[in-house]
């Protein structure tokens, strides 16, 4: 992109890329953990929107010091409901979160009357200016918060027993249970984290822009799913990482930015995203097929065949 895309390599454009990917990367943290557990959370996009609506809608009467925590708690509560329905009611996570997404969409339109929320008060602009402030090249406070969350999540997943439990549950739920892991609690925690991270991403974005539109999180779902799979997280569970998802989100955002700078339309952006996702899914399916063909064979025979 630096070589060929016009006006790509300049501080303003690169900062725009990091600021744009910050919300999606934040949402991707929780979604990756859920997918590592072998589940899906389709409600993340509407949680992003709901958190932005709550954070800005209640700010006038309660202030950010109360409206922001309430928005995050709302996201956590939605994640808790999803987790309980999946683990206790034994409903497939696809169906549960699809239903949650639909209900939240209706709730958002009912509460807002179909209108977006925008703030124009001096204190709201002050918060917006702070979140947009350039701390170091390419990094604003909102981007910094996202980076810290990504690093902490990656360390927890890879370096702690708590984090490795997610991989155990996603890899083989029966084995995880035999190993003494409370699989239901682990899954519930994963969904709570997903809702919490989506709410944090949504409310921070709304605070920086001083506005919460009804389509705030509309594109987040497919964007995050694509990046998580491209980053190597298996849809069957037990494999993946938050850092890989973050790198995939950054790569996709660079690609999308280049498409815009080349003067191509949004339809090209959507086509490229779908093409990349399709190729990655096909590759993963081929890798699984190849692996299953060699399961049970003696190592020396597999080694000879691979030559």
Protein backbone atom coordinates (compact mmCIF):
# COMPACT_ATOMS: atom_id res chain seq x y z
CA UNK A 1 0.00 0.00 0.00
CA UNK A 2 2.87 2.36 0.78
CA UNK A 3 4.32 1.75 -2.68
CA UNK A 4 1.16 1.96 -4.74
CA UNK A 5 -1.76 3.54 -2.84
CA UNK A 6 -1.86 7.34 -3.17
CA UNK A 7 -1.43 9.29 0.10
CA UNK A 8 -1.27 6.07 2.15
CA UNK A 9 1.93 6.55 4.09
CA UNK A 10 1.32 9.74 6.04
CA UNK A 11 0.61 10.31 9.76
CA UNK A 12 -2.99 11.39 9.25
CA UNK A 13 -3.99 8.32 7.21
CA UNK A 14 -2.12 5.84 9.42
CA UNK A 15 -3.69 7.34 12.54
CA UNK A 16 -7.10 7.06 10.89
CA UNK A 17 -6.39 3.33 10.36
CA UNK A 18 -5.45 2.73 14.01
CA UNK A 19 -8.45 4.71 15.28
CA UNK A 20 -10.84 2.85 12.95
CA UNK A 21 -9.57 -0.59 13.93
CA UNK A 22 -9.59 0.19 17.68
CA UNK A 23 -13.30 -0.53 18.22
CA UNK A 24 -13.26 -3.71 16.12
CA UNK A 25 -10.13 -4.96 17.87
CA UNK A 26 -11.75 -4.41 21.25
CA UNK A 27 -14.85 -6.33 20.16
CA UNK A 28 -12.63 -9.04 18.67
CA UNK A 29 -11.08 -9.84 22.06
CA UNK A 30 -14.27 -11.25 23.53
CA UNK A 31 -15.45 -12.83 20.30
CA UNK A 32 -12.15 -14.69 19.90
CA UNK A 33 -12.46 -16.13 23.41
CA UNK A 34 -16.00 -17.33 22.65
CA UNK A 35 -14.86 -18.94 19.38
CA UNK A 36 -11.90 -20.59 21.13
CA UNK A 37 -14.56 -22.24 23.30
CA UNK A 38 -16.22 -23.55 20.13
CA UNK A 39 -19.17 -21.13 20.30
CA UNK A 40 -20.43 -18.07 18.41
CA UNK A 41 -21.71 -14.69 19.60
CA UNK A 42 -23.74 -12.97 16.88
CA UNK A 43 -25.02 -10.30 19.28
CA UNK A 44 -21.75 -8.33 19.49
CA UNK A 45 -22.77 -5.78 16.84
CA UNK A 46 -25.99 -4.82 18.61
CA UNK A 47 -24.21 -4.74 21.98
CA UNK A 48 -21.80 -2.19 20.48
CA UNK A 49 -24.74 -0.03 19.41
CA UNK A 50 -26.63 -0.47 22.69
CA UNK A 51 -23.58 0.48 24.76
CA UNK A 52 -23.07 3.64 22.71
CA UNK A 53 -26.75 4.57 23.09
CA UNK A 54 -26.69 4.00 26.87
CA UNK A 55 -23.35 5.77 27.37
CA UNK A 56 -24.43 8.91 25.53
CA UNK A 57 -28.15 8.77 26.24
CA UNK A 58 -27.72 8.78 30.03
CA UNK A 59 -24.79 11.17 30.05
CA UNK A 60 -26.97 14.28 30.22
CA UNK A 61 -28.66 13.18 33.45
CA UNK A 62 -25.98 11.00 35.10
CA UNK A 63 -22.66 12.07 33.60
CA UNK A 64 -20.09 9.81 32.00
CA UNK A 65 -18.93 8.59 35.43
CA UNK A 66 -22.19 6.67 35.76
CA UNK A 67 -23.45 6.19 32.20
CA UNK A 68 -20.26 4.51 30.95
CA UNK A 69 -20.14 1.87 33.72
CA UNK A 70 -23.86 1.22 33.16
CA UNK A 71 -23.24 0.69 29.45
CA UNK A 72 -20.46 -1.80 30.19
CA UNK A 73 -22.58 -3.59 32.80
CA UNK A 74 -25.39 -3.84 30.24
CA UNK A 75 -23.00 -5.57 27.83
CA UNK A 76 -21.86 -7.94 30.57
CA UNK A 77 -25.46 -8.74 31.50
CA UNK A 78 -26.32 -9.57 27.87
CA UNK A 79 -23.29 -11.86 27.76
CA UNK A 80 -24.43 -13.50 31.00
CA UNK A 81 -27.90 -14.16 29.55
CA UNK A 82 -26.35 -15.65 26.42
CA UNK A 83 -24.07 -17.86 28.48
CA UNK A 84 -26.86 -19.12 30.74
CA UNK A 85 -29.10 -19.96 27.78
CA UNK A 86 -26.27 -21.87 26.07
CA UNK A 87 -25.12 -23.79 29.14
CA UNK A 88 -28.26 -24.28 31.21
CA UNK A 89 -31.00 -24.29 28.58
CA UNK A 90 -28.71 -26.25 26.19
CA UNK A 91 -29.61 -24.05 23.21
CA UNK A 92 -27.12 -23.72 20.36
CA UNK A 93 -25.13 -20.49 20.67
CA UNK A 94 -25.93 -19.53 17.07
CA UNK A 95 -29.67 -19.58 17.82
CA UNK A 96 -29.31 -17.90 21.22
CA UNK A 97 -27.18 -14.98 20.06
CA UNK A 98 -29.18 -14.56 16.86
CA UNK A 99 -32.28 -14.17 19.03
CA UNK A 100 -30.47 -11.78 21.36
CA UNK A 101 -29.34 -9.71 18.39
CA UNK A 102 -32.89 -9.43 17.08
CA UNK A 103 -34.35 -8.51 20.47
CA UNK A 104 -31.69 -5.85 21.07
CA UNK A 105 -32.27 -4.32 17.65
CA UNK A 106 -35.95 -3.93 18.47
CA UNK A 107 -35.12 -2.55 21.93
CA UNK A 108 -32.71 0.02 20.49
CA UNK A 109 -35.26 1.33 18.00
CA UNK A 110 -37.98 1.39 20.68
CA UNK A 111 -35.86 3.35 23.17
CA UNK A 112 -34.45 5.83 20.65
CA UNK A 113 -37.52 6.17 18.46
CA UNK A 114 -35.31 5.48 15.47
CA UNK A 115 -33.16 8.57 16.13
CA UNK A 116 -29.42 8.78 16.65
CA UNK A 117 -27.96 10.46 19.74
CA UNK A 118 -25.46 13.32 19.50
CA UNK A 119 -23.93 15.47 22.25
CA UNK A 120 -22.79 19.05 21.75
CA UNK A 121 -21.92 20.11 25.29
CA UNK A 122 -18.46 21.47 26.20
CA UNK A 123 -17.65 18.56 28.55
CA UNK A 124 -18.62 16.00 25.90
CA UNK A 125 -16.34 17.73 23.40
CA UNK A 126 -13.56 17.78 26.02
CA UNK A 127 -13.78 14.01 26.44
CA UNK A 128 -13.90 13.58 22.67
CA UNK A 129 -10.80 15.74 22.22
CA UNK A 130 -8.95 13.78 24.92
CA UNK A 131 -9.75 10.40 23.34
CA UNK A 132 -8.56 11.77 19.97
CA UNK A 133 -5.38 13.30 21.40
CA UNK A 134 -2.16 12.05 19.78
CA UNK A 135 -0.05 10.59 22.63
CA UNK A 136 2.64 9.21 20.35
CA UNK A 137 2.58 8.79 16.55
CA UNK A 138 -0.47 6.70 15.53
CA UNK A 139 -1.62 6.17 19.14
CA UNK A 140 -4.50 8.02 20.80
CA UNK A 141 -5.88 7.21 24.29
CA UNK A 142 -8.63 5.02 22.79
CA UNK A 143 -6.08 3.11 20.70
CA UNK A 144 -3.86 2.76 23.77
CA UNK A 145 -6.73 1.32 25.83
CA UNK A 146 -7.38 -1.21 23.05
CA UNK A 147 -3.72 -2.21 22.85
CA UNK A 148 -3.55 -2.72 26.62
CA UNK A 149 -6.69 -4.88 26.55
CA UNK A 150 -5.29 -6.98 23.68
CA UNK A 151 -1.96 -7.55 25.47
CA UNK A 152 -3.61 -8.41 28.79
CA UNK A 153 -6.06 -10.80 27.13
CA UNK A 154 -3.28 -12.52 25.18
CA UNK A 155 -1.17 -12.95 28.32
CA UNK A 156 -4.12 -14.35 30.26
CA UNK A 157 -4.97 -16.82 27.47
CA UNK A 158 -1.43 -18.05 26.94
CA UNK A 159 0.15 -17.77 30.38
CA UNK A 160 -2.53 -18.60 32.94
CA UNK A 161 -4.52 -21.67 33.86
CA UNK A 162 -7.70 -19.58 33.68
CA UNK A 163 -6.97 -18.73 30.06
CA UNK A 164 -5.94 -22.25 29.06
CA UNK A 165 -9.28 -23.53 30.35
CA UNK A 166 -10.96 -21.87 27.36
CA UNK A 167 -8.79 -23.91 25.01
CA UNK A 168 -9.53 -27.09 26.94
CA UNK A 169 -13.29 -26.53 26.77
CA UNK A 170 -13.15 -25.70 23.07
CA UNK A 171 -10.83 -28.57 22.21
CA UNK A 172 -12.75 -31.30 24.01
CA UNK A 173 -15.49 -30.46 26.46
CA UNK A 174 -15.61 -34.00 27.88
CA UNK A 175 -11.87 -34.07 28.51
CA UNK A 176 -12.03 -30.63 30.11
CA UNK A 177 -14.75 -31.87 32.48
CA UNK A 178 -12.67 -34.94 33.39
CA UNK A 179 -9.74 -32.62 34.09
CA UNK A 180 -11.83 -30.86 36.74
CA UNK A 181 -12.83 -27.78 34.74
CA UNK A 182 -16.32 -26.44 35.30
CA UNK A 183 -17.20 -26.22 31.61
CA UNK A 184 -20.48 -24.38 32.13
CA UNK A 185 -18.86 -21.63 34.21
CA UNK A 186 -16.04 -21.30 31.68
CA UNK A 187 -18.49 -20.85 28.81
CA UNK A 188 -20.55 -18.33 30.77
CA UNK A 189 -17.40 -16.32 31.54
CA UNK A 190 -16.49 -16.37 27.84
CA UNK A 191 -19.87 -14.91 26.84
CA UNK A 192 -19.71 -12.31 29.64
CA UNK A 193 -16.27 -11.23 28.40
CA UNK A 194 -17.61 -11.03 24.85
CA UNK A 195 -20.46 -8.75 25.91
CA UNK A 196 -18.17 -6.66 28.10
CA UNK A 197 -15.55 -6.11 25.39
CA UNK A 198 -18.22 -5.23 22.82
CA UNK A 199 -19.71 -2.68 25.23
CA UNK A 200 -16.30 -1.13 25.96
CA UNK A 201 -15.55 -0.81 22.26
CA UNK A 202 -18.94 0.72 21.51
CA UNK A 203 -19.03 3.23 24.34
CA UNK A 204 -15.45 4.42 23.74
CA UNK A 205 -16.16 4.97 20.05
CA UNK A 206 -19.37 6.85 20.86
CA UNK A 207 -17.58 9.04 23.40
CA UNK A 208 -14.83 9.95 20.95
CA UNK A 209 -17.28 10.85 18.19
CA UNK A 210 -19.83 12.38 20.63
CA UNK A 211 -22.49 10.51 18.69
CA UNK A 212 -24.19 7.13 18.73
CA UNK A 213 -25.93 6.11 15.52
CA UNK A 214 -28.31 3.18 15.18
CA UNK A 215 -25.90 1.43 12.82
CA UNK A 216 -22.85 1.96 15.05
CA UNK A 217 -22.08 -1.76 15.33
CA UNK A 218 -23.74 -2.93 12.11
CA UNK A 219 -20.50 -3.80 10.32
CA UNK A 220 -18.70 -5.08 13.41
CA UNK A 221 -20.11 -8.62 13.32
CA UNK A 222 -18.91 -9.73 9.87
CA UNK A 223 -15.69 -7.74 10.26
CA UNK A 224 -14.84 -9.48 13.54
CA UNK A 225 -15.87 -12.94 12.32
CA UNK A 226 -13.71 -12.54 9.22
CA UNK A 227 -10.69 -11.30 11.16
CA UNK A 228 -11.00 -13.99 13.84
CA UNK A 229 -11.09 -16.80 11.29
CA UNK A 230 -8.36 -15.21 9.16
CA UNK A 231 -6.29 -14.89 12.34
CA UNK A 232 -6.34 -18.65 12.76
CA UNK A 233 -9.03 -19.23 15.37
CA UNK A 234 -10.76 -22.52 14.54
CA UNK A 235 -14.54 -22.43 14.31
CA UNK A 236 -14.55 -25.85 15.97
CA UNK A 237 -12.75 -24.37 18.99
CA UNK A 238 -9.56 -25.10 20.88
CA UNK A 239 -7.25 -23.02 18.69
CA UNK A 240 -6.56 -19.33 18.16
CA UNK A 241 -5.47 -16.19 19.95
CA UNK A 242 -6.41 -12.57 20.57
CA UNK A 243 -3.11 -11.26 19.19
CA UNK A 244 -3.65 -13.12 15.90
CA UNK A 245 -7.14 -11.62 15.63
CA UNK A 246 -5.73 -8.15 16.29
CA UNK A 247 -3.13 -8.56 13.52
CA UNK A 248 -5.82 -9.79 11.11
CA UNK A 249 -8.05 -6.79 11.94
CA UNK A 250 -5.16 -4.41 11.33
CA UNK A 251 -4.33 -6.12 8.02
CA UNK A 252 -7.95 -5.95 6.87
CA UNK A 253 -8.22 -2.30 7.85
CA UNK A 254 -5.08 -1.51 5.83
CA UNK A 255 -6.59 -3.36 2.87
CA UNK A 256 -9.90 -1.49 3.19
CA UNK A 257 -8.10 1.83 3.51
CA UNK A 258 -6.12 1.09 0.36
CA UNK A 259 -9.31 0.25 -1.53
CA UNK A 260 -10.73 3.66 -0.60
CA UNK A 261 -7.52 5.48 -1.55
CA UNK A 262 -7.52 3.77 -4.95
CA UNK A 263 -10.97 5.27 -5.49
CA UNK A 264 -12.76 1.93 -5.54
CA UNK A 265 -16.29 1.60 -4.20
CA UNK A 266 -17.54 -0.03 -1.02
CA UNK A 267 -18.73 -3.01 -3.08
CA UNK A 268 -15.08 -3.83 -3.89
CA UNK A 269 -14.24 -3.68 -0.19
CA UNK A 270 -17.06 -6.12 0.62
CA UNK A 271 -16.04 -8.41 -2.25
CA UNK A 272 -12.41 -8.56 -1.10
CA UNK A 273 -13.41 -9.25 2.51
CA UNK A 274 -15.68 -12.09 1.38
CA UNK A 275 -13.04 -13.50 -0.97
CA UNK A 276 -10.35 -13.54 1.72
CA UNK A 277 -12.72 -15.15 4.21
CA UNK A 278 -13.78 -17.80 1.69
CA UNK A 279 -10.18 -18.67 0.87
CA UNK A 280 -9.25 -19.01 4.55
CA UNK A 281 -12.29 -21.19 5.30
CA UNK A 282 -11.52 -23.42 2.31
CA UNK A 283 -7.91 -23.76 3.42
CA UNK A 284 -8.98 -24.68 6.96
CA UNK A 285 -11.44 -27.26 5.61
CA UNK A 286 -8.70 -28.78 3.46
CA UNK A 287 -6.27 -28.86 6.41
CA UNK A 288 -8.86 -30.63 8.59
CA UNK A 289 -9.62 -33.12 5.81
CA UNK A 290 -5.93 -33.86 5.33
CA UNK A 291 -5.41 -34.27 9.07
CA UNK A 292 -8.32 -36.68 9.44
CA UNK A 293 -6.94 -38.87 6.65
CA UNK A 294 -3.70 -39.37 8.59
CA UNK A 295 -5.23 -39.91 12.05
CA UNK A 296 -4.34 -43.36 13.39
CA UNK A 297 -1.48 -43.98 10.98
CA UNK A 298 2.00 -44.72 12.26
CA UNK A 299 4.22 -41.59 12.45
CA UNK A 300 6.88 -43.06 10.18
CA UNK A 301 4.30 -43.78 7.47
CA UNK A 302 2.86 -40.28 7.72
CA UNK A 303 6.37 -38.84 7.49
CA UNK A 304 7.15 -40.92 4.38
CA UNK A 305 3.86 -39.92 2.73
CA UNK A 306 4.45 -36.23 3.40
CA UNK A 307 7.73 -36.48 1.46
